[in-house]
C-alpha atoms as a PDB file:
ATOM      1  CA  UNK A   1     -10.254  -8.864  -1.996  1.00  0.00           C
ATOM      2  CA  UNK A   2      -8.842  -8.016  -5.411  1.00  0.00           C
ATOM      3  CA  UNK A   3      -6.008  -9.967  -6.583  1.00  0.00           C
ATOM      4  CA  UNK A   4      -2.850  -9.726  -8.230  1.00  0.00           C
ATOM      5  CA  UNK A   5      -2.790 -10.130 -12.434  1.00  0.00           C
ATOM      6  CA  UNK A   6       0.860  -8.094 -13.164  1.00  0.00           C
ATOM      7  CA  UNK A   7       3.280  -7.406 -11.000  1.00  0.00           C
ATOM      8  CA  UNK A   8       5.857  -5.150 -12.399  1.00  0.00           C
ATOM      9  CA  UNK A   9       8.926  -2.847 -11.243  1.00  0.00           C
ATOM     10  CA  UNK A  10      11.629  -0.978 -13.072  1.00  0.00           C
ATOM     11  CA  UNK A  11      14.926   0.333 -11.534  1.00  0.00           C
ATOM     12  CA  UNK A  12      16.781   2.432 -13.944  1.00  0.00           C
ATOM     13  CA  UNK A  13      17.595   0.400 -16.907  1.00  0.00           C
ATOM     14  CA  UNK A  14      16.335  -3.378 -15.145  1.00  0.00           C
ATOM     15  CA  UNK A  15      12.898  -4.244 -15.378  1.00  0.00           C
ATOM     16  CA  UNK A  16      10.749  -7.062 -13.858  1.00  0.00           C
ATOM     17  CA  UNK A  17       7.414  -8.117 -15.280  1.00  0.00           C
ATOM     18  CA  UNK A  18       5.445 -11.091 -14.564  1.00  0.00           C
ATOM     19  CA  UNK A  19       1.812 -12.133 -15.181  1.00  0.00           C
ATOM     20  CA  UNK A  20      -0.582 -14.926 -13.038  1.00  0.00           C
ATOM     21  CA  UNK A  21      -3.771 -15.785 -13.725  1.00  0.00           C
ATOM     22  CA  UNK A  22      -6.113 -14.221 -10.872  1.00  0.00           C
ATOM     23  CA  UNK A  23      -8.094 -16.038  -8.411  1.00  0.00           C
ATOM     24  CA  UNK A  24     -10.758 -13.751  -8.357  1.00  0.00           C
ATOM     25  CA  UNK A  25     -13.225 -12.726 -11.283  1.00  0.00           C
ATOM     26  CA  UNK A  26     -12.398  -9.938 -12.954  1.00  0.00           C
ATOM     27  CA  UNK A  27     -15.082  -7.454 -13.133  1.00  0.00           C
ATOM     28  CA  UNK A  28     -16.212  -6.103 -16.898  1.00  0.00           C
ATOM     29  CA  UNK A  29     -14.812  -2.801 -15.641  1.00  0.00           C
ATOM     30  CA  UNK A  30     -11.573  -3.643 -14.917  1.00  0.00           C
ATOM     31  CA  UNK A  31     -11.379  -5.743 -18.289  1.00  0.00           C
ATOM     32  CA  UNK A  32     -12.457  -2.993 -20.268  1.00  0.00           C
ATOM     33  CA  UNK A  33      -9.521  -0.733 -18.843  1.00  0.00           C
ATOM     34  CA  UNK A  34      -6.921  -3.206 -18.666  1.00  0.00           C
ATOM     35  CA  UNK A  35      -7.571  -5.537 -21.381  1.00  0.00           C
ATOM     36  CA  UNK A  36      -6.925  -8.596 -19.159  1.00  0.00           C
ATOM     37  CA  UNK A  37      -9.565 -11.386 -19.294  1.00  0.00           C
ATOM     38  CA  UNK A  38      -9.770 -15.134 -18.226  1.00  0.00           C
ATOM     39  CA  UNK A  39     -11.004 -17.696 -19.868  1.00  0.00           C
ATOM     40  CA  UNK A  40     -10.779 -21.545 -18.898  1.00  0.00           C
ATOM     41  CA  UNK A  41      -8.182 -20.683 -16.286  1.00  0.00           C
ATOM     42  CA  UNK A  42      -5.616 -18.960 -18.591  1.00  0.00           C
ATOM     43  CA  UNK A  43      -4.973 -15.202 -19.007  1.00  0.00           C
ATOM     44  CA  UNK A  44      -5.489 -13.074 -22.166  1.00  0.00           C
ATOM     45  CA  UNK A  45      -4.341  -9.315 -22.930  1.00  0.00           C
ATOM     46  CA  UNK A  46      -6.284  -7.961 -25.870  1.00  0.00           C
ATOM     47  CA  UNK A  47      -7.653 -11.470 -26.565  1.00  0.00           C
ATOM     48  CA  UNK A  48      -3.646 -12.901 -26.723  1.00  0.00           C
ATOM     49  CA  UNK A  49      -2.636 -15.276 -24.884  1.00  0.00           C
ATOM     50  CA  UNK A  50      -0.490 -14.738 -21.865  1.00  0.00           C
ATOM     51  CA  UNK A  51       2.433 -16.576 -20.034  1.00  0.00           C
ATOM     52  CA  UNK A  52       1.870 -16.710 -16.222  1.00  0.00           C
ATOM     53  CA  UNK A  53       3.258 -18.450 -13.244  1.00  0.00           C
ATOM     54  CA  UNK A  54       1.962 -19.225 -10.179  1.00  0.00           C
ATOM     55  CA  UNK A  55       1.289 -16.648  -7.637  1.00  0.00           C
ATOM     56  CA  UNK A  56       4.267 -17.915  -5.275  1.00  0.00           C
ATOM     57  CA  UNK A  57       6.450 -18.528  -8.283  1.00  0.00           C
ATOM     58  CA  UNK A  58       5.753 -14.632  -9.349  1.00  0.00           C
ATOM     59  CA  UNK A  59       6.562 -13.811  -5.564  1.00  0.00           C
ATOM     60  CA  UNK A  60       9.981 -15.749  -5.373  1.00  0.00           C
ATOM     61  CA  UNK A  61      10.999 -13.719  -8.917  1.00  0.00           C
ATOM     62  CA  UNK A  62      10.064 -10.140  -7.403  1.00  0.00           C
ATOM     63  CA  UNK A  63      12.131 -10.863  -3.979  1.00  0.00           C
ATOM     64  CA  UNK A  64      15.223 -12.043  -6.453  1.00  0.00           C
ATOM     65  CA  UNK A  65      14.755  -8.807  -8.360  1.00  0.00           C
ATOM     66  CA  UNK A  66      14.521  -6.865  -5.198  1.00  0.00           C
ATOM     67  CA  UNK A  67      17.628  -8.821  -3.976  1.00  0.00           C
ATOM     68  CA  UNK A  68      19.889  -7.621  -6.587  1.00  0.00           C
ATOM     69  CA  UNK A  69      18.940  -3.835  -5.878  1.00  0.00           C
ATOM     70  CA  UNK A  70      20.389  -3.612  -2.030  1.00  0.00           C
ATOM     71  CA  UNK A  71      17.223  -2.736  -0.069  1.00  0.00           C
ATOM     72  CA  UNK A  72      15.508  -0.393  -2.554  1.00  0.00           C
ATOM     73  CA  UNK A  73      12.584   1.971  -1.848  1.00  0.00           C
ATOM     74  CA  UNK A  74       9.564   0.992  -3.681  1.00  0.00           C
ATOM     75  CA  UNK A  75       7.772   4.038  -5.178  1.00  0.00           C
ATOM     76  CA  UNK A  76       4.534   3.864  -6.617  1.00  0.00           C
ATOM     77  CA  UNK A  77       1.224   6.091  -7.460  1.00  0.00           C
ATOM     78  CA  UNK A  78      -1.938   5.484  -5.140  1.00  0.00           C
ATOM     79  CA  UNK A  79      -0.223   2.416  -3.484  1.00  0.00           C
ATOM     80  CA  UNK A  80      -0.615   3.104  -0.074  1.00  0.00           C
ATOM     81  CA  UNK A  81      -4.580   3.046  -0.605  1.00  0.00           C
ATOM     82  CA  UNK A  82      -4.695   0.290  -3.275  1.00  0.00           C
ATOM     83  CA  UNK A  83      -1.689  -1.942  -4.130  1.00  0.00           C
ATOM     84  CA  UNK A  84       0.208  -2.298  -0.883  1.00  0.00           C
ATOM     85  CA  UNK A  85      -2.626  -3.731   1.014  1.00  0.00           C
ATOM     86  CA  UNK A  86      -2.987  -6.322  -1.813  1.00  0.00           C
ATOM     87  CA  UNK A  87       0.663  -6.877  -2.052  1.00  0.00           C
ATOM     88  CA  UNK A  88       0.959  -7.080   1.748  1.00  0.00           C
ATOM     89  CA  UNK A  89      -1.856  -9.818   2.202  1.00  0.00           C
ATOM     90  CA  UNK A  90      -0.366 -11.980  -0.809  1.00  0.00           C
ATOM     91  CA  UNK A  91       2.830 -11.898   0.688  1.00  0.00           C
ATOM     92  CA  UNK A  92       1.390 -12.607   4.099  1.00  0.00           C
ATOM     93  CA  UNK A  93      -0.346 -16.034   2.463  1.00  0.00           C
ATOM     94  CA  UNK A  94       2.796 -17.375   0.984  1.00  0.00           C
ATOM     95  CA  UNK A  95       4.364 -16.467   4.309  1.00  0.00           C
ATOM     96  CA  UNK A  96       7.046 -14.204   2.185  1.00  0.00           C
ATOM     97  CA  UNK A  97       6.578 -10.704   4.019  1.00  0.00           C
ATOM     98  CA  UNK A  98       9.342 -11.263   6.670  1.00  0.00           C
ATOM     99  CA  UNK A  99      11.469 -11.962   3.979  1.00  0.00           C
ATOM    100  CA  UNK A 100      10.500  -8.999   1.999  1.00  0.00           C
ATOM    101  CA  UNK A 101      10.852  -6.648   4.716  1.00  0.00           C
ATOM    102  CA  UNK A 102      14.575  -7.644   4.920  1.00  0.00           C
ATOM    103  CA  UNK A 103      15.000  -6.889   0.934  1.00  0.00           C
ATOM    104  CA  UNK A 104      13.188  -3.538   0.980  1.00  0.00           C
ATOM    105  CA  UNK A 105      13.797   0.161   3.035  1.00  0.00           C
ATOM    106  CA  UNK A 106      10.036   1.022   2.491  1.00  0.00           C
ATOM    107  CA  UNK A 107       7.335   2.141   0.092  1.00  0.00           C
ATOM    108  CA  UNK A 108       6.516   5.892  -1.110  1.00  0.00           C
ATOM    109  CA  UNK A 109       3.363   6.598  -2.479  1.00  0.00           C
ATOM    110  CA  UNK A 110       3.864   9.410  -5.297  1.00  0.00           C
ATOM    111  CA  UNK A 111       0.079  10.272  -5.192  1.00  0.00           C
ATOM    112  CA  UNK A 112       0.704  11.685  -2.006  1.00  0.00           C
ATOM    113  CA  UNK A 113       4.002  13.211  -2.879  1.00  0.00           C
ATOM    114  CA  UNK A 114       2.987  14.798  -5.849  1.00  0.00           C
ATOM    115  CA  UNK A 115       0.115  16.524  -3.857  1.00  0.00           C
ATOM    116  CA  UNK A 116       2.580  17.545  -1.595  1.00  0.00           C
ATOM    117  CA  UNK A 117       5.160  18.874  -3.903  1.00  0.00           C
ATOM    118  CA  UNK A 118       2.618  20.210  -6.303  1.00  0.00           C
ATOM    119  CA  UNK A 119      -0.146  21.828  -4.055  1.00  0.00           C
ATOM    120  CA  UNK A 120      -0.157  25.441  -5.600  1.00  0.00           C
ATOM    121  CA  UNK A 121       0.911  24.783  -9.195  1.00  0.00           C
ATOM    122  CA  UNK A 122      -2.626  24.778 -10.509  1.00  0.00           C
ATOM    123  CA  UNK A 123      -2.683  21.029 -11.507  1.00  0.00           C
ATOM    124  CA  UNK A 124      -6.536  20.004 -10.996  1.00  0.00           C
ATOM    125  CA  UNK A 125      -5.705  16.049 -11.343  1.00  0.00           C
ATOM    126  CA  UNK A 126      -3.035  13.875  -9.819  1.00  0.00           C
ATOM    127  CA  UNK A 127      -3.909  10.827 -11.432  1.00  0.00           C
ATOM    128  CA  UNK A 128      -0.406   9.550 -12.973  1.00  0.00           C
ATOM    129  CA  UNK A 129      -1.425   9.816 -16.699  1.00  0.00           C
ATOM    130  CA  UNK A 130      -2.370  13.248 -16.081  1.00  0.00           C
ATOM    131  CA  UNK A 131       0.805  14.084 -14.053  1.00  0.00           C
ATOM    132  CA  UNK A 132       3.127  12.337 -16.883  1.00  0.00           C
ATOM    133  CA  UNK A 133       0.676  14.852 -19.404  1.00  0.00           C
ATOM    134  CA  UNK A 134       1.354  17.767 -17.374  1.00  0.00           C
ATOM    135  CA  UNK A 135       5.200  17.579 -16.280  1.00  0.00           C
ATOM    136  CA  UNK A 136       6.528  15.501 -18.925  1.00  0.00           C
ATOM    137  CA  UNK A 137       4.291  16.584 -21.884  1.00  0.00           C
ATOM    138  CA  UNK A 138       3.810  12.885 -23.144  1.00  0.00           C
ATOM    139  CA  UNK A 139       1.359  10.043 -22.917  1.00  0.00           C
ATOM    140  CA  UNK A 140       1.785   6.333 -22.405  1.00  0.00           C
ATOM    141  CA  UNK A 141      -0.152   3.138 -22.705  1.00  0.00           C
ATOM    142  CA  UNK A 142      -1.516   3.430 -19.028  1.00  0.00           C
ATOM    143  CA  UNK A 143      -3.366   0.808 -16.820  1.00  0.00           C
ATOM    144  CA  UNK A 144      -0.387  -1.670 -18.245  1.00  0.00           C
ATOM    145  CA  UNK A 145       1.821  -2.285 -15.148  1.00  0.00           C
ATOM    146  CA  UNK A 146       5.279  -2.118 -16.796  1.00  0.00           C
ATOM    147  CA  UNK A 147       4.536   0.773 -19.031  1.00  0.00           C
ATOM    148  CA  UNK A 148       2.639   2.506 -15.673  1.00  0.00           C
ATOM    149  CA  UNK A 149       6.364   2.078 -14.028  1.00  0.00           C
ATOM    150  CA  UNK A 150       8.398   2.855 -16.548  1.00  0.00           C
ATOM    151  CA  UNK A 151       6.452   6.357 -17.014  1.00  0.00           C
ATOM    152  CA  UNK A 152       6.620   6.803 -12.877  1.00  0.00           C
ATOM    153  CA  UNK A 153      10.399   6.469 -12.992  1.00  0.00           C
ATOM    154  CA  UNK A 154      10.282   9.345 -15.532  1.00  0.00           C
ATOM    155  CA  UNK A 155       7.872  11.085 -13.583  1.00  0.00           C
ATOM    156  CA  UNK A 156       9.762  10.514 -10.379  1.00  0.00           C
ATOM    157  CA  UNK A 157      13.052  11.900 -11.831  1.00  0.00           C
ATOM    158  CA  UNK A 158      10.766  15.116 -12.476  1.00  0.00           C
ATOM    159  CA  UNK A 159       9.553  15.609  -9.040  1.00  0.00           C
ATOM    160  CA  UNK A 160      12.765  15.701  -7.402  1.00  0.00           C
ATOM    161  CA  UNK A 161      11.841  15.301  -4.067  1.00  0.00           C
ATOM    162  CA  UNK A 162      14.312  16.441  -1.180  1.00  0.00           C
ATOM    163  CA  UNK A 163      15.503  13.384   0.976  1.00  0.00           C
ATOM    164  CA  UNK A 164      13.273  15.061   3.824  1.00  0.00           C
ATOM    165  CA  UNK A 165      10.347  15.266   1.776  1.00  0.00           C
ATOM    166  CA  UNK A 166      11.116  11.342   0.882  1.00  0.00           C
ATOM    167  CA  UNK A 167      11.673  10.541   4.580  1.00  0.00           C
ATOM    168  CA  UNK A 168       8.310  12.679   5.627  1.00  0.00           C
ATOM    169  CA  UNK A 169       6.222  10.410   3.363  1.00  0.00           C
ATOM    170  CA  UNK A 170       8.303   6.820   3.777  1.00  0.00           C
ATOM    171  CA  UNK A 171       5.993   3.807   5.152  1.00  0.00           C
ATOM    172  CA  UNK A 172       6.845   0.303   5.742  1.00  0.00           C
ATOM    173  CA  UNK A 173       5.160  -3.007   5.558  1.00  0.00           C
ATOM    174  CA  UNK A 174       4.675  -3.278   9.350  1.00  0.00           C
ATOM    175  CA  UNK A 175       2.733   0.124   9.075  1.00  0.00           C
ATOM    176  CA  UNK A 176       0.773  -1.304   6.454  1.00  0.00           C
ATOM    177  CA  UNK A 177       0.164  -4.487   8.319  1.00  0.00           C
ATOM    178  CA  UNK A 178      -0.882  -2.550  11.333  1.00  0.00           C
ATOM    179  CA  UNK A 179      -2.812  -0.180   9.601  1.00  0.00           C
ATOM    180  CA  UNK A 180      -4.941  -3.208   7.797  1.00  0.00           C
ATOM    181  CA  UNK A 181      -5.177  -4.906  11.470  1.00  0.00           C
ATOM    182  CA  UNK A 182      -6.900  -1.694  12.794  1.00  0.00           C
ATOM    183  CA  UNK A 183      -9.962  -1.521  10.362  1.00  0.00           C
ATOM    184  CA  UNK A 184     -12.128  -3.038  12.442  1.00  0.00           C
ATOM    185  CA  UNK A 185     -11.850  -0.701  14.863  1.00  0.00           C
ATOM    186  CA  UNK A 186     -12.630   1.941  12.154  1.00  0.00           C
ATOM    187  CA  UNK A 187     -15.736   0.111  10.903  1.00  0.00           C
ATOM    188  CA  UNK A 188     -17.061  -0.155  14.283  1.00  0.00           C
ATOM    189  CA  UNK A 189     -16.345   3.640  14.704  1.00  0.00           C
ATOM    190  CA  UNK A 190     -14.084   3.349  17.432  1.00  0.00           C
ATOM    191  CA  UNK A 191     -11.217   5.414  15.823  1.00  0.00           C
ATOM    192  CA  UNK A 192     -11.332   7.638  12.758  1.00  0.00           C
ATOM    193  CA  UNK A 193      -9.275   6.818   9.729  1.00  0.00           C
ATOM    194  CA  UNK A 194      -6.851   9.369  10.409  1.00  0.00           C
ATOM    195  CA  UNK A 195      -6.144   8.218  14.194  1.00  0.00           C
ATOM    196  CA  UNK A 196      -6.111   4.641  12.576  1.00  0.00           C
ATOM    197  CA  UNK A 197      -3.194   6.192  10.550  1.00  0.00           C
ATOM    198  CA  UNK A 198      -1.841   7.938  13.698  1.00  0.00           C
ATOM    199  CA  UNK A 199      -2.015   4.475  15.587  1.00  0.00           C
ATOM    200  CA  UNK A 200      -0.358   2.288  12.783  1.00  0.00           C
ATOM    201  CA  UNK A 201       2.928   4.988  12.439  1.00  0.00           C
ATOM    202  CA  UNK A 202       3.296   4.460  16.045  1.00  0.00           C
ATOM    203  CA  UNK A 203       3.351   0.756  15.854  1.00  0.00           C
ATOM    204  CA  UNK A 204      -0.064  -0.004  17.357  1.00  0.00           C
ATOM    205  CA  UNK A 205      -1.846  -3.218  16.030  1.00  0.00           C
ATOM    206  CA  UNK A 206      -5.419  -4.604  16.923  1.00  0.00           C
ATOM    207  CA  UNK A 207      -4.231  -7.700  18.866  1.00  0.00           C
ATOM    208  CA  UNK A 208      -1.868  -5.753  20.809  1.00  0.00           C
ATOM    209  CA  UNK A 209      -4.277  -3.391  21.846  1.00  0.00           C
ATOM    210  CA  UNK A 210      -6.945  -5.940  22.550  1.00  0.00           C
ATOM    211  CA  UNK A 211      -4.463  -7.936  24.846  1.00  0.00           C
ATOM    212  CA  UNK A 212      -3.746  -4.673  26.832  1.00  0.00           C
ATOM    213  CA  UNK A 213      -7.090  -4.330  27.491  1.00  0.00           C
ATOM    214  CA  UNK A 214      -7.930  -8.033  28.414  1.00  0.00           C
ATOM    215  CA  UNK A 215      -4.882  -7.622  31.012  1.00  0.00           C
ATOM    216  CA  UNK A 216      -6.025  -4.771  32.566  1.00  0.00           C
ATOM    217  CA  UNK A 217      -9.376  -3.410  31.469  1.00  0.00           C
ATOM    218  CA  UNK A 218      -9.318  -0.398  33.635  1.00  0.00           C
ATOM    219  CA  UNK A 219      -5.963   1.339  32.948  1.00  0.00           C
ATOM    220  CA  UNK A 220      -4.027  -1.245  30.515  1.00  0.00           C
ATOM    221  CA  UNK A 221      -4.970   0.236  27.094  1.00  0.00           C
ATOM    222  CA  UNK A 222      -4.849   3.820  28.571  1.00  0.00           C
ATOM    223  CA  UNK A 223      -1.027   3.084  29.646  1.00  0.00           C
ATOM    224  CA  UNK A 224      -0.282   1.264  26.017  1.00  0.00           C
ATOM    225  CA  UNK A 225      -1.522   4.223  24.156  1.00  0.00           C
ATOM    226  CA  UNK A 226       0.128   6.669  25.901  1.00  0.00           C
ATOM    227  CA  UNK A 227       2.661   7.570  22.806  1.00  0.00           C
ATOM    228  CA  UNK A 228      -0.532   8.662  20.982  1.00  0.00           C
ATOM    229  CA  UNK A 229      -0.967  11.232  23.494  1.00  0.00           C
ATOM    230  CA  UNK A 230       1.440  13.309  21.719  1.00  0.00           C
ATOM    231  CA  UNK A 231      -0.742  13.391  18.557  1.00  0.00           C
ATOM    232  CA  UNK A 232      -4.016  13.936  20.469  1.00  0.00           C
ATOM    233  CA  UNK A 233      -5.221  16.572  22.391  1.00  0.00           C
ATOM    234  CA  UNK A 234      -5.835  15.059  26.363  1.00  0.00           C
ATOM    235  CA  UNK A 235      -9.878  15.077  25.888  1.00  0.00           C
ATOM    236  CA  UNK A 236      -9.489  13.392  22.424  1.00  0.00           C
ATOM    237  CA  UNK A 237      -7.169  11.091  23.622  1.00  0.00           C
ATOM    238  CA  UNK A 238      -9.633  10.137  26.587  1.00  0.00           C
ATOM    239  CA  UNK A 239     -12.470   9.768  24.463  1.00  0.00           C
ATOM    240  CA  UNK A 240     -10.713   7.769  21.556  1.00  0.00           C
ATOM    241  CA  UNK A 241      -9.431   5.265  24.464  1.00  0.00           C
ATOM    242  CA  UNK A 242     -12.694   4.812  25.966  1.00  0.00           C
ATOM    243  CA  UNK A 243     -14.458   4.420  22.589  1.00  0.00           C
ATOM    244  CA  UNK A 244     -11.730   1.472  21.867  1.00  0.00           C
ATOM    245  CA  UNK A 245     -12.323  -0.024  25.344  1.00  0.00           C
ATOM    246  CA  UNK A 246     -16.154   0.007  24.396  1.00  0.00           C
ATOM    247  CA  UNK A 247     -15.512  -1.801  21.599  1.00  0.00           C
ATOM    248  CA  UNK A 248     -13.313  -4.554  22.976  1.00  0.00           C
ATOM    249  CA  UNK A 249     -15.950  -4.550  25.474  1.00  0.00           C
ATOM    250  CA  UNK A 250     -18.995  -5.416  22.975  1.00  0.00           C
ATOM    251  CA  UNK A 251     -16.537  -7.828  21.224  1.00  0.00           C
ATOM    252  CA  UNK A 252     -16.016  -9.749  24.035  1.00  0.00           C
END
């Protein structure tokens, strides 16, 4: 339910930074951390007015920035859980998600990446602010999107992931959309969060699964989900398919 306030990106010396008035209230805790407040439909940062654009204009400007970068990989810290679902939802709202997909090669969550690369180093907190302090021996004004991505660029250089490590953690907007569509099955306890991740990675989404079940209630879903067998044991695969079928029967 969160909305975007600040959208920032950096690629070497090129920077992008825009602000927009959120369409949902900013809770006091978030204001205390970020310094953003809204009064009379105007955005303030630490009590100073900020120049804003509409959400659509901000997204269009972001697409123009990406267009000049030759299909970049977008890296961000904790984006798989938080930022990307919000971005995907807003892009879809303004019917810009298909154009966005053509302009980027995917996403990389540096939180997940850093946990993989640094798991035996004794680091206890993988928050970006702490990793910058531990690896780069410096601090920065955290919770400002532009300062965050500038610091992240330096952190990413220090992590030095190999192409294979990058590929293993790469995900796309299609993956995000599939995963978001599967949330009713997770909330209905038909599948686990881990299974939802596996289904999304294989390209399955809620509507396609439901359609296959309706077309052939006895075996349609089992046949459709055959690629999932490689990810699960036979007994777990059968149990998962049965639970999903039961969910769709109840929904009908």
